[in-house]
Amino acid sequence: MWSTLGLIYGVYIDDEGNCLVTMTLTTAGCPLNDYLNREIRQAVSQLAAIRGRTV
């Protein structure tokens, strides 16, 4: 079951296949910062159309 915390504000993909994910964390110094960045980068990298990514 998925729930949303509203952490992802946007996902933008340009014509060259570059993906920008705009997000926030729940608190400053959030202990999940590295984990979330790693998981998002991994998920985006699995999409064939994506050539570059920024989180």
PDB file of N, CA and C in Angstrom:
ATOM      1  N   MET A   1       0.846  -1.170   0.000  1.00  0.00           N
ATOM      2  CA  MET A   1       0.000   0.000   0.000  1.00  0.00           C
ATOM      3  C   MET A   1       0.896   1.240   0.000  1.00  0.00           C
ATOM      4  N   TRP A   2       0.611   2.168  -0.882  1.00  0.00           N
ATOM      5  CA  TRP A   2       1.367   3.403  -0.985  1.00  0.00           C
ATOM      6  C   TRP A   2       0.623   4.526  -0.283  1.00  0.00           C
ATOM      7  N   SER A   3       1.347   5.368   0.366  1.00  0.00           N
ATOM      8  CA  SER A   3       0.764   6.593   0.893  1.00  0.00           C
ATOM      9  C   SER A   3       1.665   7.743   0.477  1.00  0.00           C
ATOM     10  N   THR A   4       1.171   8.939   0.566  1.00  0.00           N
ATOM     11  CA  THR A   4       1.960  10.084   0.151  1.00  0.00           C
ATOM     12  C   THR A   4       2.181  11.040   1.314  1.00  0.00           C
ATOM     13  N   LEU A   5       3.392  11.530   1.397  1.00  0.00           N
ATOM     14  CA  LEU A   5       3.713  12.545   2.391  1.00  0.00           C
ATOM     15  C   LEU A   5       3.848  13.910   1.735  1.00  0.00           C
ATOM     16  N   GLY A   6       3.696  13.970   0.417  1.00  0.00           N
ATOM     17  CA  GLY A   6       3.829  15.226  -0.293  1.00  0.00           C
ATOM     18  C   GLY A   6       5.270  15.675  -0.429  1.00  0.00           C
ATOM     19  N   LEU A   7       6.207  14.735  -0.406  1.00  0.00           N
ATOM     20  CA  LEU A   7       7.619  15.083  -0.483  1.00  0.00           C
ATOM     21  C   LEU A   7       8.071  15.426  -1.902  1.00  0.00           C
ATOM     22  N   ILE A   8       7.433  14.849  -2.902  1.00  0.00           N
ATOM     23  CA  ILE A   8       7.796  15.099  -4.291  1.00  0.00           C
ATOM     24  C   ILE A   8       6.938  16.239  -4.815  1.00  0.00           C
ATOM     25  N   TYR A   9       7.591  17.322  -5.219  1.00  0.00           N
ATOM     26  CA  TYR A   9       6.872  18.485  -5.745  1.00  0.00           C
ATOM     27  C   TYR A   9       6.727  18.426  -7.252  1.00  0.00           C
ATOM     28  N   GLY A  10       7.679  17.789  -7.919  1.00  0.00           N
ATOM     29  CA  GLY A  10       7.585  17.729  -9.370  1.00  0.00           C
ATOM     30  C   GLY A  10       8.613  16.798  -9.968  1.00  0.00           C
ATOM     31  N   VAL A  11       8.284  16.298 -11.151  1.00  0.00           N
ATOM     32  CA  VAL A  11       9.196  15.491 -11.950  1.00  0.00           C
ATOM     33  C   VAL A  11       9.156  16.080 -13.352  1.00  0.00           C
ATOM     34  N   TYR A  12      10.292  16.542 -13.820  1.00  0.00           N
ATOM     35  CA  TYR A  12      10.373  17.194 -15.120  1.00  0.00           C
ATOM     36  C   TYR A  12      11.360  16.441 -15.995  1.00  0.00           C
ATOM     37  N   ILE A  13      10.970  16.159 -17.220  1.00  0.00           N
ATOM     38  CA  ILE A  13      11.832  15.473 -18.176  1.00  0.00           C
ATOM     39  C   ILE A  13      11.911  16.334 -19.421  1.00  0.00           C
ATOM     40  N   ASP A  14      13.133  16.700 -19.832  1.00  0.00           N
ATOM     41  CA  ASP A  14      13.268  17.533 -21.021  1.00  0.00           C
ATOM     42  C   ASP A  14      13.385  16.666 -22.280  1.00  0.00           C
ATOM     43  N   ASP A  15      13.484  17.316 -23.423  1.00  0.00           N
ATOM     44  CA  ASP A  15      13.530  16.610 -24.704  1.00  0.00           C
ATOM     45  C   ASP A  15      14.788  15.769 -24.897  1.00  0.00           C
ATOM     46  N   GLU A  16      15.816  16.019 -24.098  1.00  0.00           N
ATOM     47  CA  GLU A  16      17.066  15.272 -24.203  1.00  0.00           C
ATOM     48  C   GLU A  16      17.121  14.091 -23.234  1.00  0.00           C
ATOM     49  N   GLY A  17      16.064  13.887 -22.463  1.00  0.00           N
ATOM     50  CA  GLY A  17      16.011  12.757 -21.537  1.00  0.00           C
ATOM     51  C   GLY A  17      16.598  13.039 -20.168  1.00  0.00           C
ATOM     52  N   ASN A  18      16.799  14.313 -19.844  1.00  0.00           N
ATOM     53  CA  ASN A  18      17.271  14.678 -18.506  1.00  0.00           C
ATOM     54  C   ASN A  18      16.074  14.813 -17.578  1.00  0.00           C
ATOM     55  N   CYS A  19      16.181  14.231 -16.410  1.00  0.00           N
ATOM     56  CA  CYS A  19      15.078  14.224 -15.452  1.00  0.00           C
ATOM     57  C   CYS A  19      15.476  15.008 -14.208  1.00  0.00           C
ATOM     58  N   LEU A  20      14.606  15.902 -13.776  1.00  0.00           N
ATOM     59  CA  LEU A  20      14.790  16.676 -12.553  1.00  0.00           C
ATOM     60  C   LEU A  20      13.643  16.334 -11.610  1.00  0.00           C
ATOM     61  N   VAL A  21      13.987  15.820 -10.438  1.00  0.00           N
ATOM     62  CA  VAL A  21      12.993  15.525  -9.405  1.00  0.00           C
ATOM     63  C   VAL A  21      13.152  16.576  -8.317  1.00  0.00           C
ATOM     64  N   THR A  22      12.083  17.333  -8.057  1.00  0.00           N
ATOM     65  CA  THR A  22      12.092  18.352  -7.019  1.00  0.00           C
ATOM     66  C   THR A  22      11.363  17.791  -5.809  1.00  0.00           C
ATOM     67  N   MET A  23      12.060  17.791  -4.669  1.00  0.00           N
ATOM     68  CA  MET A  23      11.489  17.187  -3.464  1.00  0.00           C
ATOM     69  C   MET A  23      11.937  17.946  -2.233  1.00  0.00           C
ATOM     70  N   THR A  24      11.341  17.604  -1.118  1.00  0.00           N
ATOM     71  CA  THR A  24      11.742  18.135   0.178  1.00  0.00           C
ATOM     72  C   THR A  24      11.796  16.973   1.159  1.00  0.00           C
ATOM     73  N   LEU A  25      12.365  17.216   2.289  1.00  0.00           N
ATOM     74  CA  LEU A  25      12.409  16.219   3.354  1.00  0.00           C
ATOM     75  C   LEU A  25      11.453  16.653   4.464  1.00  0.00           C
ATOM     76  N   THR A  26      11.131  15.750   5.351  1.00  0.00           N
ATOM     77  CA  THR A  26      10.172  16.073   6.410  1.00  0.00           C
ATOM     78  C   THR A  26      10.752  17.022   7.450  1.00  0.00           C
ATOM     79  N   THR A  27      12.059  16.930   7.696  1.00  0.00           N
ATOM     80  CA  THR A  27      12.714  17.807   8.663  1.00  0.00           C
ATOM     81  C   THR A  27      14.123  18.123   8.185  1.00  0.00           C
ATOM     82  N   ALA A  28      14.689  19.221   8.666  1.00  0.00           N
ATOM     83  CA  ALA A  28      16.092  19.521   8.390  1.00  0.00           C
ATOM     84  C   ALA A  28      16.943  18.426   9.034  1.00  0.00           C
ATOM     85  N   GLY A  29      17.919  17.944   8.330  1.00  0.00           N
ATOM     86  CA  GLY A  29      18.751  16.871   8.871  1.00  0.00           C
ATOM     87  C   GLY A  29      18.062  15.524   8.885  1.00  0.00           C
ATOM     88  N   CYS A  30      17.065  15.346   8.026  1.00  0.00           N
ATOM     89  CA  CYS A  30      16.306  14.092   7.967  1.00  0.00           C
ATOM     90  C   CYS A  30      17.253  12.907   7.779  1.00  0.00           C
ATOM     91  N   PRO A  31      17.152  11.888   8.606  1.00  0.00           N
ATOM     92  CA  PRO A  31      18.047  10.737   8.500  1.00  0.00           C
ATOM     93  C   PRO A  31      17.811   9.901   7.240  1.00  0.00           C
ATOM     94  N   LEU A  32      16.716  10.142   6.526  1.00  0.00           N
ATOM     95  CA  LEU A  32      16.431   9.382   5.306  1.00  0.00           C
ATOM     96  C   LEU A  32      16.913  10.085   4.041  1.00  0.00           C
ATOM     97  N   ASN A  33      17.608  11.199   4.176  1.00  0.00           N
ATOM     98  CA  ASN A  33      18.063  11.964   3.026  1.00  0.00           C
ATOM     99  C   ASN A  33      18.829  11.100   2.023  1.00  0.00           C
ATOM    100  N   ASP A  34      19.877  10.439   2.463  1.00  0.00           N
ATOM    101  CA  ASP A  34      20.690   9.621   1.561  1.00  0.00           C
ATOM    102  C   ASP A  34      19.881   8.475   0.967  1.00  0.00           C
ATOM    103  N   TYR A  35      19.076   7.838   1.784  1.00  0.00           N
ATOM    104  CA  TYR A  35      18.254   6.724   1.323  1.00  0.00           C
ATOM    105  C   TYR A  35      17.279   7.173   0.230  1.00  0.00           C
ATOM    106  N   LEU A  36      16.554   8.272   0.464  1.00  0.00           N
ATOM    107  CA  LEU A  36      15.579   8.748  -0.512  1.00  0.00           C
ATOM    108  C   LEU A  36      16.252   9.147  -1.819  1.00  0.00           C
ATOM    109  N   ASN A  37      17.365   9.860  -1.740  1.00  0.00           N
ATOM    110  CA  ASN A  37      18.083  10.249  -2.951  1.00  0.00           C
ATOM    111  C   ASN A  37      18.554   9.029  -3.732  1.00  0.00           C
ATOM    112  N   ARG A  38      19.088   8.053  -3.038  1.00  0.00           N
ATOM    113  CA  ARG A  38      19.573   6.832  -3.694  1.00  0.00           C
ATOM    114  C   ARG A  38      18.425   6.077  -4.359  1.00  0.00           C
ATOM    115  N   GLU A  39      17.315   5.917  -3.664  1.00  0.00           N
ATOM    116  CA  GLU A  39      16.179   5.171  -4.204  1.00  0.00           C
ATOM    117  C   GLU A  39      15.545   5.887  -5.403  1.00  0.00           C
ATOM    118  N   ILE A  40      15.433   7.201  -5.323  1.00  0.00           N
ATOM    119  CA  ILE A  40      14.866   7.960  -6.438  1.00  0.00           C
ATOM    120  C   ILE A  40      15.787   7.872  -7.647  1.00  0.00           C
ATOM    121  N   ARG A  41      17.089   8.052  -7.453  1.00  0.00           N
ATOM    122  CA  ARG A  41      18.043   7.951  -8.563  1.00  0.00           C
ATOM    123  C   ARG A  41      17.977   6.563  -9.208  1.00  0.00           C
ATOM    124  N   GLN A  42      17.900   5.530  -8.398  1.00  0.00           N
ATOM    125  CA  GLN A  42      17.835   4.167  -8.916  1.00  0.00           C
ATOM    126  C   GLN A  42      16.555   3.952  -9.722  1.00  0.00           C
ATOM    127  N   ALA A  43      15.436   4.415  -9.208  1.00  0.00           N
ATOM    128  CA  ALA A  43      14.154   4.236  -9.898  1.00  0.00           C
ATOM    129  C   ALA A  43      14.149   4.981 -11.229  1.00  0.00           C
ATOM    130  N   VAL A  44      14.632   6.213 -11.236  1.00  0.00           N
ATOM    131  CA  VAL A  44      14.659   7.017 -12.463  1.00  0.00           C
ATOM    132  C   VAL A  44      15.622   6.396 -13.476  1.00  0.00           C
ATOM    133  N   SER A  45      16.729   5.856 -13.016  1.00  0.00           N
ATOM    134  CA  SER A  45      17.723   5.257 -13.912  1.00  0.00           C
ATOM    135  C   SER A  45      17.190   4.042 -14.657  1.00  0.00           C
ATOM    136  N   GLN A  46      16.164   3.412 -14.135  1.00  0.00           N
ATOM    137  CA  GLN A  46      15.605   2.222 -14.776  1.00  0.00           C
ATOM    138  C   GLN A  46      14.723   2.564 -15.970  1.00  0.00           C
ATOM    139  N   LEU A  47      14.402   3.827 -16.153  1.00  0.00           N
ATOM    140  CA  LEU A  47      13.561   4.243 -17.279  1.00  0.00           C
ATOM    141  C   LEU A  47      14.448   4.426 -18.516  1.00  0.00           C
ATOM    142  N   ALA A  48      14.111   3.742 -19.584  1.00  0.00           N
ATOM    143  CA  ALA A  48      14.951   3.736 -20.785  1.00  0.00           C
ATOM    144  C   ALA A  48      15.122   5.123 -21.399  1.00  0.00           C
ATOM    145  N   ALA A  49      14.139   5.980 -21.295  1.00  0.00           N
ATOM    146  CA  ALA A  49      14.179   7.298 -21.930  1.00  0.00           C
ATOM    147  C   ALA A  49      15.054   8.305 -21.175  1.00  0.00           C
ATOM    148  N   ILE A  50      15.461   7.969 -19.959  1.00  0.00           N
ATOM    149  CA  ILE A  50      16.202   8.908 -19.125  1.00  0.00           C
ATOM    150  C   ILE A  50      17.701   8.754 -19.374  1.00  0.00           C
ATOM    151  N   ARG A  51      18.359   9.875 -19.678  1.00  0.00           N
ATOM    152  CA  ARG A  51      19.802   9.879 -19.916  1.00  0.00           C
ATOM    153  C   ARG A  51      20.569  10.506 -18.750  1.00  0.00           C
ATOM    154  N   GLY A  52      19.940  11.426 -18.038  1.00  0.00           N
ATOM    155  CA  GLY A  52      20.571  12.088 -16.906  1.00  0.00           C
ATOM    156  C   GLY A  52      19.538  12.341 -15.834  1.00  0.00           C
ATOM    157  N   ARG A  53      19.989  12.551 -14.586  1.00  0.00           N
ATOM    158  CA  ARG A  53      19.037  12.770 -13.512  1.00  0.00           C
ATOM    159  C   ARG A  53      19.620  13.683 -12.455  1.00  0.00           C
ATOM    160  N   THR A  54      18.755  14.469 -11.856  1.00  0.00           N
ATOM    161  CA  THR A  54      19.111  15.357 -10.755  1.00  0.00           C
ATOM    162  C   THR A  54      17.983  15.276  -9.737  1.00  0.00           C
ATOM    163  N   VAL A  55      18.347  15.064  -8.473  1.00  0.00           N
ATOM    164  CA  VAL A  55      17.355  14.990  -7.398  1.00  0.00           C
ATOM    165  C   VAL A  55      17.651  16.114  -6.438  1.00  0.00           C
TER     166      VAL A  55
END
